[in-house]
Amino acid sequence: MHPAIPVRAMFNNPEGYNMEPNETKRYTALVTETRAALPTDEAAHHLSRAPQTLRLWACLENGPLRPIRVHGRLAWPVAELRRVLGVA
């Protein structure tokens, strides 16, 4: 049986818990992006928002851009991302 670890201790990472992602994800610059649409996590990165914010925009239909729904998944049009961000 493992001893209880206080929440504060978990966040201080005293026992070497790996709390960092295994690899750093590299994103293509929006100017050079060749895909027509991006998944939510990549679109959120370009907009400097949390992915959940974009999901909320899609659900409530109140954000600055609308996603395309493909087989139940959200895809964010690159052209619209460029328009919102003012990228040529």
Protein backbone atom coordinates (compact mmCIF):
# COMPACT_ATOMS: atom_id res chain seq x y z
CA MET A 1 0.00 0.00 0.00
CA HIS A 2 1.36 3.41 -0.99
CA PRO A 3 1.45 6.18 1.57
CA ALA A 4 -0.78 9.14 0.83
CA ILE A 5 1.08 11.93 -0.94
CA PRO A 6 -0.08 15.41 0.00
CA VAL A 7 -1.28 17.43 -2.99
CA ARG A 8 1.32 20.12 -2.31
CA ALA A 9 4.08 17.52 -2.43
CA MET A 10 2.82 16.18 -5.73
CA PHE A 11 3.09 19.59 -7.34
CA ASN A 12 6.55 20.13 -5.93
CA ASN A 13 7.50 16.86 -7.61
CA PRO A 14 9.69 15.48 -4.77
CA GLU A 15 9.60 11.88 -5.94
CA GLY A 16 10.46 12.48 -9.56
CA TYR A 17 7.00 12.20 -11.08
CA ASN A 18 7.21 13.07 -14.74
CA MET A 19 4.79 15.99 -15.03
CA GLU A 20 6.18 17.28 -18.33
CA PRO A 21 4.99 16.07 -21.74
CA ASN A 22 7.19 13.38 -23.22
CA GLU A 23 7.97 15.37 -26.32
CA THR A 24 7.62 18.96 -27.41
CA LYS A 25 5.17 19.32 -30.25
CA ARG A 26 6.34 21.41 -33.18
CA TYR A 27 3.79 23.49 -35.02
CA THR A 28 4.02 24.64 -38.63
CA ALA A 29 3.93 28.42 -39.03
CA LEU A 30 0.47 29.52 -40.12
CA VAL A 31 1.94 31.38 -43.10
CA THR A 32 3.47 28.19 -44.50
CA GLU A 33 0.64 25.81 -43.52
CA THR A 34 -0.52 23.76 -46.52
CA ARG A 35 -3.43 21.89 -44.94
CA ALA A 36 -6.95 23.27 -45.45
CA ALA A 37 -7.91 22.82 -41.79
CA LEU A 38 -6.20 22.13 -38.48
CA PRO A 39 -7.20 20.02 -35.48
CA THR A 40 -8.33 21.85 -32.36
CA ASP A 41 -5.03 21.65 -30.44
CA GLU A 42 -3.04 23.18 -33.31
CA ALA A 43 -5.61 25.90 -33.98
CA ALA A 44 -5.63 26.74 -30.26
CA HIS A 45 -1.85 27.06 -30.31
CA HIS A 46 -1.98 29.59 -33.16
CA LEU A 47 -4.75 31.56 -31.45
CA SER A 48 -3.00 31.45 -28.05
CA ARG A 49 -6.06 29.89 -26.47
CA ALA A 50 -6.78 26.65 -24.66
CA PRO A 51 -8.24 23.88 -26.83
CA GLN A 52 -11.30 23.84 -24.58
CA THR A 53 -11.97 27.49 -25.46
CA LEU A 54 -12.22 26.56 -29.14
CA ARG A 55 -14.50 23.65 -28.29
CA LEU A 56 -16.73 26.06 -26.38
CA TRP A 57 -16.81 28.45 -29.38
CA ALA A 58 -17.90 25.52 -31.54
CA CYS A 59 -20.58 24.39 -29.09
CA LEU A 60 -22.00 27.84 -28.39
CA GLU A 61 -21.35 29.14 -31.92
CA ASN A 62 -20.13 32.46 -30.52
CA GLY A 63 -16.43 32.56 -31.39
CA PRO A 64 -14.62 34.60 -34.03
CA LEU A 65 -14.54 31.59 -36.38
CA ARG A 66 -16.51 28.41 -36.95
CA PRO A 67 -15.08 24.92 -37.29
CA ILE A 68 -15.89 22.30 -39.86
CA ARG A 69 -17.19 19.06 -38.39
CA VAL A 70 -15.67 15.95 -39.96
CA HIS A 71 -16.95 12.62 -38.60
CA GLY A 72 -17.66 14.18 -35.22
CA ARG A 73 -14.31 15.96 -34.99
CA LEU A 74 -13.65 19.67 -35.22
CA ALA A 75 -11.39 21.04 -37.95
CA TRP A 76 -10.51 24.74 -38.02
CA PRO A 77 -10.10 26.27 -41.51
CA VAL A 78 -6.61 27.70 -42.04
CA ALA A 79 -8.00 30.54 -44.18
CA GLU A 80 -10.26 31.62 -41.30
CA LEU A 81 -7.40 31.38 -38.79
CA ARG A 82 -5.31 33.61 -41.05
CA ARG A 83 -8.19 36.09 -41.39
CA VAL A 84 -8.77 36.30 -37.62
CA LEU A 85 -5.06 36.70 -36.92
CA GLY A 86 -4.44 39.10 -39.81
CA VAL A 87 -1.82 36.83 -41.35
CA ALA A 88 -1.31 37.21 -45.10
